[in-house]
PDB file of N, CA and C in Angstrom:
ATOM      1  N   MET A   1      -8.174  10.171  13.507  1.00  0.00           N
ATOM      2  CA  MET A   1      -7.654  11.057  11.697  1.00  0.00           C
ATOM      3  C   MET A   1      -9.276  11.383  11.606  1.00  0.00           C
ATOM      4  N   GLU A   2      -9.442  12.349  11.403  1.00  0.00           N
ATOM      5  CA  GLU A   2      -9.980  13.483  10.782  1.00  0.00           C
ATOM      6  C   GLU A   2     -10.212  13.434   9.446  1.00  0.00           C
ATOM      7  N   PRO A   3     -11.747  12.853   8.801  1.00  0.00           N
ATOM      8  CA  PRO A   3     -11.677  12.513   7.429  1.00  0.00           C
ATOM      9  C   PRO A   3     -11.808  13.791   6.700  1.00  0.00           C
ATOM     10  N   MET A   4     -11.737  13.943   5.383  1.00  0.00           N
ATOM     11  CA  MET A   4     -11.554  15.239   4.578  1.00  0.00           C
ATOM     12  C   MET A   4     -12.144  14.896   3.220  1.00  0.00           C
ATOM     13  N   LYS A   5     -13.451  15.626   2.947  1.00  0.00           N
ATOM     14  CA  LYS A   5     -13.808  14.701   1.965  1.00  0.00           C
ATOM     15  C   LYS A   5     -13.350  15.837   0.750  1.00  0.00           C
ATOM     16  N   VAL A   6     -13.091  14.788  -0.712  1.00  0.00           N
ATOM     17  CA  VAL A   6     -12.055  15.471  -1.642  1.00  0.00           C
ATOM     18  C   VAL A   6     -13.326  14.807  -2.883  1.00  0.00           C
ATOM     19  N   GLU A   7     -13.396  16.108  -3.918  1.00  0.00           N
ATOM     20  CA  GLU A   7     -14.263  15.470  -5.172  1.00  0.00           C
ATOM     21  C   GLU A   7     -13.483  15.922  -6.266  1.00  0.00           C
ATOM     22  N   ILE A   8     -13.788  14.917  -7.283  1.00  0.00           N
ATOM     23  CA  ILE A   8     -12.821  14.504  -8.782  1.00  0.00           C
ATOM     24  C   ILE A   8     -13.971  14.665  -9.848  1.00  0.00           C
ATOM     25  N   GLU A   9     -13.191  14.923 -10.674  1.00  0.00           N
ATOM     26  CA  GLU A   9     -14.300  14.858 -11.895  1.00  0.00           C
ATOM     27  C   GLU A   9     -13.221  14.106 -12.830  1.00  0.00           C
ATOM     28  N   LEU A  10     -14.321  12.951 -13.357  1.00  0.00           N
ATOM     29  CA  LEU A  10     -13.457  11.840 -14.223  1.00  0.00           C
ATOM     30  C   LEU A  10     -14.048  11.476 -15.729  1.00  0.00           C
ATOM     31  N   PRO A  11     -13.588  11.570 -16.329  1.00  0.00           N
ATOM     32  CA  PRO A  11     -14.829  10.726 -17.485  1.00  0.00           C
ATOM     33  C   PRO A  11     -15.370   9.787 -17.565  1.00  0.00           C
ATOM     34  N   ARG A  12     -16.601   9.772 -17.930  1.00  0.00           N
ATOM     35  CA  ARG A  12     -17.546   8.647 -17.541  1.00  0.00           C
ATOM     36  C   ARG A  12     -16.960   7.497 -18.768  1.00  0.00           C
ATOM     37  N   GLU A  13     -16.164   7.505 -19.513  1.00  0.00           N
ATOM     38  CA  GLU A  13     -16.147   6.307 -20.047  1.00  0.00           C
ATOM     39  C   GLU A  13     -14.342   5.800 -19.190  1.00  0.00           C
ATOM     40  N   LEU A  14     -13.889   6.388 -18.469  1.00  0.00           N
ATOM     41  CA  LEU A  14     -12.929   6.042 -17.147  1.00  0.00           C
ATOM     42  C   LEU A  14     -13.749   5.268 -16.736  1.00  0.00           C
ATOM     43  N   LEU A  15     -15.417   5.499 -15.958  1.00  0.00           N
ATOM     44  CA  LEU A  15     -15.845   4.901 -14.867  1.00  0.00           C
ATOM     45  C   LEU A  15     -16.214   3.843 -15.317  1.00  0.00           C
ATOM     46  N   THR A  16     -16.587   3.869 -16.900  1.00  0.00           N
ATOM     47  CA  THR A  16     -17.527   2.502 -17.519  1.00  0.00           C
ATOM     48  C   THR A  16     -16.251   1.453 -17.626  1.00  0.00           C
ATOM     49  N   ALA A  17     -14.837   1.703 -17.991  1.00  0.00           N
ATOM     50  CA  ALA A  17     -13.781   1.328 -18.115  1.00  0.00           C
ATOM     51  C   ALA A  17     -13.426   0.584 -16.775  1.00  0.00           C
ATOM     52  N   LEU A  18     -13.623   1.022 -16.135  1.00  0.00           N
ATOM     53  CA  LEU A  18     -13.358   0.479 -14.833  1.00  0.00           C
ATOM     54  C   LEU A  18     -13.793  -0.518 -14.233  1.00  0.00           C
ATOM     55  N   ASP A  19     -15.116  -0.720 -15.013  1.00  0.00           N
ATOM     56  CA  ASP A  19     -16.615  -1.451 -14.316  1.00  0.00           C
ATOM     57  C   ASP A  19     -16.707  -1.718 -12.730  1.00  0.00           C
ATOM     58  N   ILE A  20     -16.466  -0.511 -12.249  1.00  0.00           N
ATOM     59  CA  ILE A  20     -17.027  -0.444 -10.781  1.00  0.00           C
ATOM     60  C   ILE A  20     -17.954  -0.240 -10.657  1.00  0.00           C
ATOM     61  N   PRO A  21     -19.120  -0.387  -9.633  1.00  0.00           N
ATOM     62  CA  PRO A  21     -20.392  -0.349  -9.790  1.00  0.00           C
ATOM     63  C   PRO A  21     -20.253   1.126  -9.160  1.00  0.00           C
ATOM     64  N   GLU A  22     -21.492   2.267  -9.181  1.00  0.00           N
ATOM     65  CA  GLU A  22     -21.208   3.931  -8.626  1.00  0.00           C
ATOM     66  C   GLU A  22     -20.898   3.693  -6.996  1.00  0.00           C
ATOM     67  N   SER A  23     -21.795   2.962  -6.173  1.00  0.00           N
ATOM     68  CA  SER A  23     -21.509   2.754  -5.030  1.00  0.00           C
ATOM     69  C   SER A  23     -19.809   2.519  -4.433  1.00  0.00           C
ATOM     70  N   GLU A  24     -19.331   2.198  -4.924  1.00  0.00           N
ATOM     71  CA  GLU A  24     -17.953   1.886  -4.855  1.00  0.00           C
ATOM     72  C   GLU A  24     -17.051   2.387  -5.090  1.00  0.00           C
ATOM     73  N   ILE A  25     -17.213   3.576  -6.064  1.00  0.00           N
ATOM     74  CA  ILE A  25     -15.856   4.726  -6.738  1.00  0.00           C
ATOM     75  C   ILE A  25     -15.190   5.017  -5.526  1.00  0.00           C
ATOM     76  N   GLY A  26     -16.084   5.417  -4.565  1.00  0.00           N
ATOM     77  CA  GLY A  26     -15.392   6.204  -3.148  1.00  0.00           C
ATOM     78  C   GLY A  26     -14.596   5.665  -2.430  1.00  0.00           C
ATOM     79  N   ARG A  27     -14.697   4.243  -2.209  1.00  0.00           N
ATOM     80  CA  ARG A  27     -14.087   3.449  -1.298  1.00  0.00           C
ATOM     81  C   ARG A  27     -12.756   3.061  -2.409  1.00  0.00           C
ATOM     82  N   ARG A  28     -13.279   2.740  -3.782  1.00  0.00           N
ATOM     83  CA  ARG A  28     -11.727   2.728  -4.420  1.00  0.00           C
ATOM     84  C   ARG A  28     -11.255   3.314  -4.700  1.00  0.00           C
ATOM     85  N   ALA A  29     -11.000   4.596  -4.804  1.00  0.00           N
ATOM     86  CA  ALA A  29     -10.425   5.559  -4.755  1.00  0.00           C
ATOM     87  C   ALA A  29      -9.519   5.902  -3.751  1.00  0.00           C
ATOM     88  N   MET A  30     -10.284   5.659  -2.567  1.00  0.00           N
ATOM     89  CA  MET A  30      -9.224   6.415  -1.377  1.00  0.00           C
ATOM     90  C   MET A  30      -8.670   5.045  -1.292  1.00  0.00           C
ATOM     91  N   GLU A  31      -8.524   3.670  -1.786  1.00  0.00           N
ATOM     92  CA  GLU A  31      -7.726   2.577  -1.890  1.00  0.00           C
ATOM     93  C   GLU A  31      -6.558   2.655  -3.049  1.00  0.00           C
ATOM     94  N   TRP A  32      -6.569   3.737  -3.961  1.00  0.00           N
ATOM     95  CA  TRP A  32      -6.081   3.290  -4.863  1.00  0.00           C
ATOM     96  C   TRP A  32      -5.144   4.724  -4.223  1.00  0.00           C
ATOM     97  N   VAL A  33      -5.177   5.505  -3.555  1.00  0.00           N
ATOM     98  CA  VAL A  33      -4.876   6.419  -3.154  1.00  0.00           C
ATOM     99  C   VAL A  33      -4.002   5.769  -1.956  1.00  0.00           C
ATOM    100  N   VAL A  34      -3.972   5.441  -0.989  1.00  0.00           N
ATOM    101  CA  VAL A  34      -3.560   4.285  -0.170  1.00  0.00           C
ATOM    102  C   VAL A  34      -2.364   3.852  -0.712  1.00  0.00           C
ATOM    103  N   LEU A  35      -3.001   2.671  -1.674  1.00  0.00           N
ATOM    104  CA  LEU A  35      -2.042   1.940  -2.142  1.00  0.00           C
ATOM    105  C   LEU A  35      -0.892   2.393  -3.132  1.00  0.00           C
ATOM    106  N   GLU A  36      -1.393   4.186  -3.734  1.00  0.00           N
ATOM    107  CA  GLU A  36       0.160   4.469  -4.146  1.00  0.00           C
ATOM    108  C   GLU A  36       0.822   5.063  -2.914  1.00  0.00           C
ATOM    109  N   LEU A  37       0.256   5.643  -2.354  1.00  0.00           N
ATOM    110  CA  LEU A  37       1.026   6.115  -0.798  1.00  0.00           C
ATOM    111  C   LEU A  37       2.233   5.070  -0.309  1.00  0.00           C
ATOM    112  N   PHE A  38       1.154   4.125  -0.182  1.00  0.00           N
ATOM    113  CA  PHE A  38       2.517   2.620   0.175  1.00  0.00           C
ATOM    114  C   PHE A  38       3.415   2.531  -0.805  1.00  0.00           C
ATOM    115  N   GLN A  39       2.827   2.289  -1.967  1.00  0.00           N
ATOM    116  CA  GLN A  39       4.168   1.873  -3.079  1.00  0.00           C
ATOM    117  C   GLN A  39       5.490   3.252  -2.633  1.00  0.00           C
ATOM    118  N   GLU A  40       4.880   4.196  -2.786  1.00  0.00           N
ATOM    119  CA  GLU A  40       6.016   5.175  -2.926  1.00  0.00           C
ATOM    120  C   GLU A  40       6.519   5.480  -1.146  1.00  0.00           C
ATOM    121  N   GLY A  41       6.414   4.511  -0.669  1.00  0.00           N
ATOM    122  CA  GLY A  41       7.183   4.632   0.903  1.00  0.00           C
ATOM    123  C   GLY A  41       6.912   5.597   1.535  1.00  0.00           C
ATOM    124  N   GLU A  42       5.289   6.400   1.479  1.00  0.00           N
ATOM    125  CA  GLU A  42       4.879   6.945   2.240  1.00  0.00           C
ATOM    126  C   GLU A  42       4.575   7.440   3.134  1.00  0.00           C
ATOM    127  N   ILE A  43       3.794   5.874   3.778  1.00  0.00           N
ATOM    128  CA  ILE A  43       2.782   5.372   4.735  1.00  0.00           C
ATOM    129  C   ILE A  43       3.483   3.488   5.175  1.00  0.00           C
ATOM    130  N   SER A  44       3.583   3.405   6.228  1.00  0.00           N
ATOM    131  CA  SER A  44       3.247   1.884   6.122  1.00  0.00           C
ATOM    132  C   SER A  44       2.222   0.997   5.633  1.00  0.00           C
ATOM    133  N   ALA A  45       2.595  -0.519   6.013  1.00  0.00           N
ATOM    134  CA  ALA A  45       1.653  -1.451   5.527  1.00  0.00           C
ATOM    135  C   ALA A  45       0.373  -1.112   6.754  1.00  0.00           C
ATOM    136  N   GLY A  46       1.265  -0.880   7.940  1.00  0.00           N
ATOM    137  CA  GLY A  46      -0.010  -1.071   9.491  1.00  0.00           C
ATOM    138  C   GLY A  46      -0.871   0.349   9.114  1.00  0.00           C
ATOM    139  N   LYS A  47      -0.284   1.325   8.507  1.00  0.00           N
ATOM    140  CA  LYS A  47      -0.963   2.667   8.847  1.00  0.00           C
ATOM    141  C   LYS A  47      -1.954   2.852   7.347  1.00  0.00           C
ATOM    142  N   ALA A  48      -1.865   2.228   6.288  1.00  0.00           N
ATOM    143  CA  ALA A  48      -2.617   1.787   5.315  1.00  0.00           C
ATOM    144  C   ALA A  48      -3.612   0.751   5.712  1.00  0.00           C
ATOM    145  N   GLY A  49      -3.193  -0.299   6.223  1.00  0.00           N
ATOM    146  CA  GLY A  49      -4.776  -0.877   6.641  1.00  0.00           C
ATOM    147  C   GLY A  49      -5.181   0.186   7.214  1.00  0.00           C
ATOM    148  N   GLU A  50      -4.642   0.561   8.844  1.00  0.00           N
ATOM    149  CA  GLU A  50      -5.581   1.394   9.033  1.00  0.00           C
ATOM    150  C   GLU A  50      -6.544   2.062   8.535  1.00  0.00           C
ATOM    151  N   ILE A  51      -6.055   3.444   7.222  1.00  0.00           N
ATOM    152  CA  ILE A  51      -6.774   3.897   6.748  1.00  0.00           C
ATOM    153  C   ILE A  51      -7.690   3.722   5.993  1.00  0.00           C
ATOM    154  N   LEU A  52      -7.830   2.095   5.902  1.00  0.00           N
ATOM    155  CA  LEU A  52      -8.504   1.297   5.084  1.00  0.00           C
ATOM    156  C   LEU A  52      -9.512   0.492   5.631  1.00  0.00           C
ATOM    157  N   GLY A  53      -9.115   0.236   7.113  1.00  0.00           N
ATOM    158  CA  GLY A  53      -9.976  -0.388   7.968  1.00  0.00           C
ATOM    159  C   GLY A  53      -9.597  -1.798   7.970  1.00  0.00           C
ATOM    160  N   LEU A  54      -8.425  -2.189   7.822  1.00  0.00           N
ATOM    161  CA  LEU A  54      -8.022  -3.077   6.843  1.00  0.00           C
ATOM    162  C   LEU A  54      -7.279  -3.604   8.487  1.00  0.00           C
ATOM    163  N   SER A  55      -6.936  -5.045   8.848  1.00  0.00           N
ATOM    164  CA  SER A  55      -5.629  -5.018   9.967  1.00  0.00           C
ATOM    165  C   SER A  55      -4.409  -5.549   8.547  1.00  0.00           C
ATOM    166  N   LYS A  56      -3.380  -5.430   9.292  1.00  0.00           N
ATOM    167  CA  LYS A  56      -1.939  -5.624   8.204  1.00  0.00           C
ATOM    168  C   LYS A  56      -1.982  -6.904   7.522  1.00  0.00           C
ATOM    169  N   ASN A  57      -2.300  -7.600   8.128  1.00  0.00           N
ATOM    170  CA  ASN A  57      -2.664  -9.006   7.205  1.00  0.00           C
ATOM    171  C   ASN A  57      -3.720  -8.703   6.087  1.00  0.00           C
ATOM    172  N   ARG A  58      -4.618  -8.353   6.419  1.00  0.00           N
ATOM    173  CA  ARG A  58      -5.385  -8.115   5.025  1.00  0.00           C
ATOM    174  C   ARG A  58      -5.217  -6.931   4.530  1.00  0.00           C
ATOM    175  N   PHE A  59      -4.318  -6.220   4.392  1.00  0.00           N
ATOM    176  CA  PHE A  59      -3.785  -5.119   3.567  1.00  0.00           C
ATOM    177  C   PHE A  59      -2.789  -5.806   2.832  1.00  0.00           C
ATOM    178  N   LEU A  60      -1.737  -6.732   3.459  1.00  0.00           N
ATOM    179  CA  LEU A  60      -1.278  -7.445   2.834  1.00  0.00           C
ATOM    180  C   LEU A  60      -1.728  -8.712   1.690  1.00  0.00           C
ATOM    181  N   ASP A  61      -3.190  -8.933   1.753  1.00  0.00           N
ATOM    182  CA  ASP A  61      -3.812  -9.720   1.264  1.00  0.00           C
ATOM    183  C   ASP A  61      -4.381  -8.681   0.212  1.00  0.00           C
ATOM    184  N   LEU A  62      -4.533  -7.613   0.254  1.00  0.00           N
ATOM    185  CA  LEU A  62      -4.941  -6.716  -0.694  1.00  0.00           C
ATOM    186  C   LEU A  62      -4.115  -6.281  -1.850  1.00  0.00           C
ATOM    187  N   LEU A  63      -2.514  -6.138  -1.328  1.00  0.00           N
ATOM    188  CA  LEU A  63      -1.433  -6.296  -2.104  1.00  0.00           C
ATOM    189  C   LEU A  63      -1.412  -7.153  -2.962  1.00  0.00           C
ATOM    190  N   ASN A  64      -1.417  -8.183  -2.457  1.00  0.00           N
ATOM    191  CA  ASN A  64      -1.319  -9.840  -3.542  1.00  0.00           C
ATOM    192  C   ASN A  64      -2.649  -9.842  -4.813  1.00  0.00           C
ATOM    193  N   GLU A  65      -3.882  -9.453  -3.977  1.00  0.00           N
ATOM    194  CA  GLU A  65      -4.644  -9.742  -5.221  1.00  0.00           C
ATOM    195  C   GLU A  65      -4.756  -8.331  -6.128  1.00  0.00           C
ATOM    196  N   ARG A  66      -3.959  -7.639  -5.665  1.00  0.00           N
ATOM    197  CA  ARG A  66      -3.741  -6.398  -6.825  1.00  0.00           C
ATOM    198  C   ARG A  66      -2.358  -6.775  -7.430  1.00  0.00           C
ATOM    199  N   GLY A  67      -1.820  -7.260  -7.057  1.00  0.00           N
ATOM    200  CA  GLY A  67      -0.780  -7.810  -7.913  1.00  0.00           C
ATOM    201  C   GLY A  67       0.465  -6.875  -7.440  1.00  0.00           C
ATOM    202  N   LEU A  68       0.595  -6.186  -6.317  1.00  0.00           N
ATOM    203  CA  LEU A  68       1.220  -4.808  -6.259  1.00  0.00           C
ATOM    204  C   LEU A  68       2.665  -5.435  -5.129  1.00  0.00           C
ATOM    205  N   PRO A  69       3.600  -5.625  -5.096  1.00  0.00           N
ATOM    206  CA  PRO A  69       4.984  -6.013  -4.079  1.00  0.00           C
ATOM    207  C   PRO A  69       4.537  -5.161  -2.700  1.00  0.00           C
ATOM    208  N   TYR A  70       4.825  -6.122  -2.054  1.00  0.00           N
ATOM    209  CA  TYR A  70       5.333  -5.781  -0.224  1.00  0.00           C
ATOM    210  C   TYR A  70       6.544  -5.192  -0.242  1.00  0.00           C
ATOM    211  N   LEU A  71       7.363  -5.658  -0.760  1.00  0.00           N
ATOM    212  CA  LEU A  71       8.608  -5.402  -0.865  1.00  0.00           C
ATOM    213  C   LEU A  71       8.825  -4.844  -2.068  1.00  0.00           C
ATOM    214  N   ASP A  72       9.182  -3.862  -2.234  1.00  0.00           N
ATOM    215  CA  ASP A  72       9.771  -3.463  -4.059  1.00  0.00           C
ATOM    216  C   ASP A  72      11.459  -3.133  -3.661  1.00  0.00           C
ATOM    217  N   ALA A  73      12.282  -3.870  -3.883  1.00  0.00           N
ATOM    218  CA  ALA A  73      13.661  -3.854  -3.786  1.00  0.00           C
ATOM    219  C   ALA A  73      14.549  -5.323  -5.144  1.00  0.00           C
ATOM    220  N   GLU A  74      15.288  -5.135  -5.340  1.00  0.00           N
ATOM    221  CA  GLU A  74      16.263  -6.214  -6.454  1.00  0.00           C
ATOM    222  C   GLU A  74      16.669  -7.227  -5.385  1.00  0.00           C
ATOM    223  N   PRO A  75      16.682  -8.198  -5.233  1.00  0.00           N
ATOM    224  CA  PRO A  75      17.323  -9.562  -4.550  1.00  0.00           C
ATOM    225  C   PRO A  75      18.891  -8.939  -4.054  1.00  0.00           C
ATOM    226  N   ARG A  76      19.341  -8.434  -4.490  1.00  0.00           N
ATOM    227  CA  ARG A  76      20.789  -8.226  -4.452  1.00  0.00           C
ATOM    228  C   ARG A  76      20.468  -7.174  -2.962  1.00  0.00           C
ATOM    229  N   GLU A  77      19.729  -5.824  -3.749  1.00  0.00           N
ATOM    230  CA  GLU A  77      19.695  -5.009  -2.538  1.00  0.00           C
ATOM    231  C   GLU A  77      19.077  -5.687  -0.718  1.00  0.00           C
ATOM    232  N   LEU A  78      17.815  -6.580  -1.317  1.00  0.00           N
ATOM    233  CA  LEU A  78      17.606  -6.881  -0.024  1.00  0.00           C
ATOM    234  C   LEU A  78      18.804  -7.837   0.438  1.00  0.00           C
ATOM    235  N   ALA A  79      19.434  -8.298  -0.225  1.00  0.00           N
ATOM    236  CA  ALA A  79      20.482  -9.385   0.563  1.00  0.00           C
ATOM    237  C   ALA A  79      21.485  -8.408   1.178  1.00  0.00           C
ATOM    238  N   ARG A  80      21.812  -7.222   0.616  1.00  0.00           N
ATOM    239  CA  ARG A  80      22.643  -6.284   1.242  1.00  0.00           C
ATOM    240  C   ARG A  80      21.835  -5.719   2.411  1.00  0.00           C
ATOM    241  N   GLU A  81      20.384  -5.339   2.434  1.00  0.00           N
ATOM    242  CA  GLU A  81      19.984  -5.013   4.003  1.00  0.00           C
ATOM    243  C   GLU A  81      19.930  -6.103   4.908  1.00  0.00           C
ATOM    244  N   VAL A  82      19.705  -7.527   4.474  1.00  0.00           N
ATOM    245  CA  VAL A  82      19.854  -8.353   5.491  1.00  0.00           C
ATOM    246  C   VAL A  82      20.857  -8.702   6.105  1.00  0.00           C
ATOM    247  N   ALA A  83      21.756  -8.470   5.403  1.00  0.00           N
ATOM    248  CA  ALA A  83      23.114  -8.557   5.471  1.00  0.00           C
ATOM    249  C   ALA A  83      23.666  -7.571   6.956  1.00  0.00           C
ATOM    250  N   ALA A  84      23.085  -6.200   6.633  1.00  0.00           N
ATOM    251  CA  ALA A  84      23.535  -5.312   6.957  1.00  0.00           C
ATOM    252  C   ALA A  84      22.728  -5.627   8.723  1.00  0.00           C
ATOM    253  N   ALA A  85      21.470  -5.910   8.607  1.00  0.00           N
ATOM    254  CA  ALA A  85      20.834  -5.778  10.191  1.00  0.00           C
ATOM    255  C   ALA A  85      21.171  -6.892  10.383  1.00  0.00           C
ATOM    256  N   GLU A  86      21.828  -7.764   9.982  1.00  0.00           N
ATOM    257  CA  GLU A  86      22.576  -9.143  10.415  1.00  0.00           C
ATOM    258  C   GLU A  86      23.737  -8.679  11.221  1.00  0.00           C
ATOM    259  N   ALA A  87      24.532  -7.899  10.615  1.00  0.00           N
ATOM    260  CA  ALA A  87      25.899  -7.398  11.389  1.00  0.00           C
ATOM    261  C   ALA A  87      25.260  -6.750  12.728  1.00  0.00           C
ATOM    262  N   ALA A  88      24.817  -5.617  12.398  1.00  0.00           N
ATOM    263  CA  ALA A  88      24.280  -5.074  13.593  1.00  0.00           C
ATOM    264  C   ALA A  88      23.653  -5.573  14.514  1.00  0.00           C
ATOM    265  N   GLY A  89      23.010  -6.678  14.265  1.00  0.00           N
ATOM    266  CA  GLY A  89      22.455  -7.287  15.423  1.00  0.00           C
ATOM    267  C   GLY A  89      23.492  -8.260  15.714  1.00  0.00           C
ATOM    268  N   HIS A  90      25.133  -8.413  15.507  1.00  0.00           N
ATOM    269  CA  HIS A  90      25.937  -9.348  15.887  1.00  0.00           C
ATOM    270  C   HIS A  90      26.483  -8.419  17.255  1.00  0.00           C
ATOM    271  N   THR A  91      26.542  -6.848  16.278  1.00  0.00           N
ATOM    272  CA  THR A  91      27.735  -6.100  17.303  1.00  0.00           C
ATOM    273  C   THR A  91      27.057  -5.886  18.661  1.00  0.00           C
ATOM    274  N   SER A  92      25.784  -5.333  18.628  1.00  0.00           N
ATOM    275  CA  SER A  92      25.127  -5.262  19.493  1.00  0.00           C
ATOM    276  C   SER A  92      24.838  -6.298  20.622  1.00  0.00           C
ATOM    277  N   HIS A  93      25.256  -7.546  20.390  1.00  0.00           N
ATOM    278  CA  HIS A  93      25.265  -8.375  21.511  1.00  0.00           C
ATOM    279  C   HIS A  93      26.699  -8.511  21.706  1.00  0.00           C
ATOM    280  N   THR A  94      27.748  -8.235  21.422  1.00  0.00           N
ATOM    281  CA  THR A  94      29.199  -8.522  22.042  1.00  0.00           C
ATOM    282  C   THR A  94      29.553  -7.524  23.090  1.00  0.00           C
TER     283      THR A  94
END
């Protein structure tokens, strides 16, 4: 994947409030974009990790560090998904 440079202007107060060393801003901005794309379902955890140069497991650790869910679904919705997957598995084996 060929990188593309993007430049944005942010108020200095915002950068001060973030309390991030200036040398880290570019990496953190890319992290924020990738995390947002993952949360919106635009990219997988594997792809997000690849973009950030992390293994999938390390990306999952990053989600945990940032307090972000890996799965963003209600328990009932997850139960329906599991039931549907199990039903599909049973019908394909018969």
